[in-house]
Protein backbone atom coordinates (compact mmCIF):
# COMPACT_ATOMS: atom_id res chain seq x y z
CA MET A 1 75.52 113.00 25.62
CA GLN A 2 73.70 113.35 22.60
CA LYS A 3 72.77 109.57 23.04
CA ARG A 4 71.40 110.15 26.64
CA SER A 5 69.79 113.51 25.50
CA LEU A 6 68.44 111.16 22.88
CA GLU A 7 67.37 108.40 25.19
CA ILE A 8 65.75 110.50 27.96
CA SER A 9 63.91 113.13 25.51
CA CYS A 10 62.21 110.00 24.04
CA TYR A 11 61.01 108.91 27.63
CA VAL A 12 59.77 112.12 28.26
CA CYS A 13 57.96 112.82 24.84
CA GLY A 14 57.05 109.14 25.26
CA ALA A 15 55.16 110.13 28.89
CA GLY A 16 53.63 112.86 27.21
CA ALA A 17 51.99 110.89 24.56
CA PHE A 18 50.43 108.28 27.30
CA GLY A 19 49.27 111.32 28.88
CA VAL A 20 47.57 113.00 26.29
CA PHE A 21 46.12 109.52 25.12
CA PHE A 22 44.43 108.79 28.69
CA ARG A 23 43.53 112.43 28.90
CA TRP A 24 41.89 112.28 25.44
CA LEU A 25 40.11 108.83 26.63
CA GLN A 26 38.97 110.42 29.99
CA ASP A 27 37.53 113.71 27.60
CA GLN A 28 35.91 111.10 25.68
CA MET A 29 34.56 108.54 28.01
CA ALA A 30 34.51 110.02 31.64
CA PHE A 31 32.12 112.47 30.99
CA ASP A 32 28.12 112.55 29.90
CA ASP A 33 26.05 114.75 27.38
CA ALA A 34 25.47 117.28 30.36
CA GLY A 35 29.29 117.60 31.05
CA LEU A 36 29.67 115.85 34.11
CA THR A 37 31.73 113.48 35.45
CA GLU A 38 30.78 110.25 35.38
CA LYS A 39 32.90 107.16 37.28
CA SER A 40 35.64 106.11 35.20
CA VAL A 41 39.01 104.17 35.40
CA PHE A 42 40.76 107.31 33.51
CA ASN A 43 40.16 109.30 36.94
CA TYR A 44 42.75 107.02 37.87
CA LEU A 45 44.51 106.60 34.92
CA VAL A 46 45.39 110.22 34.43
CA PRO A 47 46.80 111.23 37.94
CA LEU A 48 48.55 107.54 37.80
CA ILE A 49 50.19 108.45 34.75
CA ILE A 50 51.42 111.66 36.10
CA LEU A 51 53.15 109.71 39.44
CA ALA A 52 54.39 107.46 37.17
CA SER A 53 56.31 109.96 34.67
CA ALA A 54 57.55 111.99 38.10
CA LEU A 55 59.20 109.11 39.35
CA LEU A 56 60.85 107.54 36.12
CA PHE A 57 62.07 111.25 36.09
CA ASN A 58 62.96 111.07 39.39
CA ARG A 59 65.11 108.04 38.56
CA PHE A 60 66.88 109.74 35.75
CA ILE A 61 68.48 112.18 38.28
CA GLU A 62 69.59 109.34 40.38
CA GLN A 63 71.38 107.79 37.45
CA ALA A 64 73.22 110.84 36.77
CA ARG A 65 74.15 111.28 40.41
CA ASN A 66 75.29 108.16 40.64
CA GLU A 67 77.52 108.55 37.88
CA LYS A 68 79.41 111.89 39.08
CA LEU A 69 77.68 113.98 36.45
CA TYR A 70 76.50 117.32 37.28
CA ILE A 71 74.44 120.65 35.21
CA PRO A 72 76.58 123.58 35.09
CA THR A 73 75.63 126.47 36.91
CA ASP A 74 76.87 128.64 34.19
CA PHE A 75 74.34 130.10 31.35
CA CYS A 76 76.71 129.59 28.65
CA GLN A 77 77.97 126.12 29.62
CA ALA A 78 74.73 124.95 30.79
CA LEU A 79 73.24 125.65 27.31
CA ARG A 80 75.44 125.93 24.67
CA ASN A 81 73.50 124.69 21.35
CA LYS A 82 76.07 125.21 18.84
CA GLY A 83 74.99 124.13 15.18
CA ARG A 84 72.30 124.80 12.45
CA LEU A 85 70.10 121.87 13.96
CA PHE A 86 69.69 123.86 17.07
CA THR A 87 69.62 126.83 15.62
CA MET A 88 66.86 125.86 13.25
CA ALA A 89 65.09 123.98 16.41
CA ARG A 90 65.07 126.96 18.76
CA TRP A 91 63.61 129.31 15.76
CA ALA A 92 60.88 126.48 14.76
CA SER A 93 59.80 126.04 18.44
CA GLY A 94 59.92 129.58 19.06
CA GLY A 95 57.98 130.17 15.62
CA VAL A 96 55.11 127.89 16.85
CA MET A 97 54.72 129.66 20.09
CA ALA A 98 54.86 133.11 18.09
CA ILE A 99 52.72 132.18 14.98
CA GLY A 100 49.85 130.61 18.15
CA GLY A 101 50.00 134.11 19.40
CA VAL A 102 48.77 135.73 16.11
CA LEU A 103 46.38 132.94 15.68
CA LEU A 104 44.77 133.37 19.14
CA ILE A 105 44.53 137.12 18.34
CA ALA A 106 42.66 136.51 15.23
CA THR A 107 39.97 133.97 16.78
CA SER A 108 39.58 135.65 20.06
CA GLU A 109 37.94 138.83 19.23
CA THR A 110 34.47 138.09 20.08
CA ASP A 111 35.48 136.30 23.79
CA GLN A 112 34.41 137.73 27.00
CA ASP A 113 37.69 137.97 28.03
CA ALA A 114 39.12 139.40 24.67
CA THR A 115 41.39 141.85 26.72
CA LEU A 116 43.02 139.17 28.86
CA LEU A 117 43.51 137.29 25.60
CA LEU A 118 44.99 139.80 23.39
CA ILE A 119 47.50 140.57 26.16
CA LEU A 120 48.38 136.41 26.50
CA SER A 121 48.97 136.68 22.56
CA LEU A 122 51.06 139.70 23.17
CA LEU A 123 53.34 137.51 25.39
CA ALA A 124 53.50 134.76 23.40
CA ILE A 125 54.69 136.65 20.68
CA ALA A 126 57.14 138.07 22.79
CA SER A 127 58.35 134.82 24.11
CA GLY A 128 58.22 133.27 20.92
CA ILE A 129 60.45 135.66 19.27
CA SER A 130 62.97 136.14 22.42
CA PHE A 131 63.50 132.21 22.62
CA PRO A 132 66.09 131.93 19.89
CA LEU A 133 67.56 134.77 20.54
CA VAL A 134 68.29 134.24 24.34
CA LEU A 135 69.21 130.51 23.52
CA GLY A 136 71.51 131.83 20.88
CA SER A 137 73.52 133.74 23.27
CA ALA A 138 74.79 131.31 24.96
CA ASN A 139 77.27 130.28 22.12
CA ASP A 140 79.18 133.40 22.82
CA LYS A 141 82.65 132.56 21.21
CA TYR A 142 84.25 133.68 24.68
CA GLY A 143 81.75 131.88 26.61
CA LYS A 144 80.31 134.71 28.33
CA LEU A 145 76.55 136.15 28.55
CA ARG A 146 76.98 139.60 26.78
CA HIS A 147 73.66 141.37 27.46
CA PRO A 148 72.77 139.56 31.11
CA ALA A 149 69.78 141.94 31.45
CA LEU A 150 68.29 141.00 27.72
CA ALA A 151 68.54 137.10 29.11
CA CYS A 152 66.73 137.92 32.45
CA LEU A 153 63.82 139.58 30.22
CA GLY A 154 64.08 137.19 27.57
CA THR A 155 63.40 134.26 30.12
CA THR A 156 60.72 136.13 32.52
CA LEU A 157 58.50 136.54 29.37
CA PRO A 158 56.80 133.03 29.62
CA ILE A 159 56.85 133.22 33.15
CA VAL A 160 54.22 136.29 33.15
CA MET A 161 52.98 134.25 30.06
CA PHE A 162 51.68 131.67 32.10
CA ALA A 163 50.94 133.59 35.16
CA LEU A 164 48.32 135.69 32.88
CA TRP A 165 46.90 132.57 31.33
CA LEU A 166 46.77 131.14 35.28
CA ILE A 167 44.40 133.96 35.97
CA ILE A 168 42.60 133.57 32.57
CA CYS A 169 41.91 129.43 33.35
CA TYR A 170 40.57 130.56 36.67
CA LYS A 171 38.37 133.05 35.53
CA GLN A 172 36.86 131.06 33.06
CA ASN A 173 35.76 128.20 35.46
CA ALA A 174 35.56 130.12 38.70
CA LEU A 175 32.02 129.21 38.28
CA ASN A 176 32.48 125.46 37.10
CA SER A 177 32.11 122.67 39.60
CA VAL A 178 33.52 120.08 37.36
CA ILE A 179 37.06 120.02 38.58
CA TRP A 180 38.34 117.51 36.36
CA SER A 181 36.98 119.57 32.92
CA TYR A 182 39.60 121.96 33.96
CA LEU A 183 42.42 120.23 36.34
CA VAL A 184 44.61 118.78 34.00
CA GLU A 185 44.98 122.58 31.92
CA MET A 186 45.74 124.19 35.15
CA MET A 187 48.05 121.78 36.45
CA ALA A 188 50.12 122.20 33.11
CA ILE A 189 50.02 125.69 33.37
CA ILE A 190 51.69 125.71 36.56
CA THR A 191 54.10 123.16 35.70
CA ALA A 192 54.89 125.12 32.56
CA MET A 193 55.24 128.34 34.51
CA MET A 194 57.57 126.64 37.19
CA ALA A 195 59.53 124.80 34.46
CA PHE A 196 60.20 128.29 32.51
CA PHE A 197 61.01 129.76 35.93
CA ARG A 198 63.90 127.24 36.66
CA ALA A 199 65.15 127.86 33.51
CA ALA A 200 65.46 131.57 34.06
CA GLY A 201 67.58 130.72 36.75
CA PHE A 202 70.45 129.85 34.71
CA ALA A 203 70.10 133.69 33.32
CA TYR A 204 69.79 135.13 36.96
CA GLY A 205 72.67 133.46 38.25
CA SER A 206 70.25 131.57 40.60
CA VAL A 207 70.26 127.82 39.92
CA LYS A 208 69.09 124.65 41.18
CA SER A 209 70.46 122.50 38.73
CA TRP A 210 68.66 119.15 39.79
CA GLN A 211 65.07 120.47 40.64
CA SER A 212 65.43 122.48 37.38
CA PHE A 213 66.11 119.61 35.67
CA PHE A 214 63.20 117.60 36.85
CA THR A 215 60.18 120.73 36.57
CA ILE A 216 61.69 120.92 33.09
CA MET A 217 60.92 117.32 32.30
CA MET A 218 57.23 117.64 34.09
CA GLY A 219 56.90 120.85 31.93
CA VAL A 220 57.28 118.83 28.60
CA MET A 221 55.12 116.05 29.64
CA MET A 222 52.47 118.51 31.26
CA SER A 223 52.42 120.50 28.38
CA ILE A 224 51.81 117.50 25.65
CA MET A 225 49.35 116.11 28.06
CA ALA A 226 47.31 119.13 28.14
CA LEU A 227 47.05 119.13 24.33
CA ALA A 228 44.15 117.04 24.57
CA ASP A 229 41.84 119.47 26.08
CA ASP A 230 39.38 121.36 23.88
CA ARG A 231 40.73 124.82 23.41
CA TYR A 232 41.50 128.09 20.73
CA MET A 233 43.92 126.34 18.30
CA GLY A 234 46.02 129.43 18.83
CA MET A 235 46.26 128.38 22.91
CA HIS A 236 46.69 124.99 21.59
CA LEU A 237 49.74 126.44 19.63
CA ILE A 238 51.39 128.13 22.43
CA MET A 239 51.34 124.97 25.06
CA LEU A 240 52.95 122.87 22.04
CA GLY A 241 55.67 125.60 21.34
CA SER A 242 56.09 125.63 25.26
CA ALA A 243 56.59 121.95 24.93
CA MET A 244 59.13 122.27 22.59
CA GLN A 245 61.13 125.19 24.29
CA LEU A 246 61.38 123.12 27.67
CA LEU A 247 62.41 120.04 25.61
CA MET A 248 65.13 121.86 24.49
CA TYR A 249 66.12 122.86 27.31
CA GLU A 250 66.20 119.56 29.06
CA TRP A 251 68.19 118.23 25.91
CA LEU A 252 70.94 120.83 26.08
CA LEU A 253 71.05 120.66 29.85
CA ILE A 254 71.79 116.70 29.30
CA MET A 255 74.41 117.26 26.32
CA ASN A 256 76.08 119.62 28.29
CA MET A 257 76.52 117.67 31.49
CA GLN A 258 80.12 117.71 32.97
CA LYS A 259 81.47 114.57 35.26
CA LYS A 260 83.19 115.57 38.53
CA ALA A 261 86.53 115.30 38.84
CA VAL A 262 87.83 112.77 40.96
CA LYS A 263 89.79 114.04 44.14
CA LEU A 264 93.02 111.90 44.66
CA ARG A 265 93.60 111.08 48.41
CA GLU A 266 96.28 112.45 50.37
CA GLU A 267 100.01 111.36 50.93
CA LYS A 268 100.46 111.83 55.07
CA PRO A 269 104.12 110.92 56.42
CA SER A 270 104.22 108.06 58.62
CA GLU A 271 105.81 108.48 61.82
CA ASP A 272 108.95 106.34 61.13
CA GLY A 273 109.64 109.65 58.74
CA PHE A 274 108.47 107.15 55.28
CA GLU A 275 105.17 108.35 52.91
CA ARG A 276 102.30 105.86 52.62
CA LEU A 277 99.05 106.24 51.02
CA ARG A 278 96.06 105.90 53.71
């Protein structure tokens, strides 16, 4: 499954790369000097790349289902990530988010929403630190989650963080009539929040496997796409860290997929006393 994980992850990151490129071109060419939108082909290409990505990701799910694959609902089985490379990856992705939180504290002291941004920063730091610890708990040698309450708390932190970010985004753009100036960021925040919500279902024991897989892929793509917008560097790092974390979730779900066992047909006795297959 490692090859499949690499292939699908490349497609997801590629979709995000196209998205951030078209969004950057839209920011450069679809707005005038006053910040108002103008007629531009990128106002159509941006939503089209999002729709195309969603259709592509849905295709991956259909292929897996056709191959009789399924995602385990158990936390340890679905997210097992033993090995040094996975250890480095989970600490790196968590570290990027935590560093983003620290940088945001240092650069947003004079912002009119400084208090909300401070809380957002603290949540980002806590989320970044908890992520490698939560994923590390999936590697228990007995295959059992030892501290489910802590795992639930760790997976809830990024959900709360993005919920607060959504409030901040709405507050900052409440009087902004140019929807395109904040629409992509708001969509990325909502998608990432839903992706972490679905990922948290594995810790809470309430899993919808394929919905989680699709939402996590969309979360990666939209988080990368939103990097084209202008914001604090700390917020950029938080968004990048969330993309890295969701990408790791996606990689592990693919890697730990299992194949459904083939059911043998039952043998029934015939009327003349001989058994035959039906």
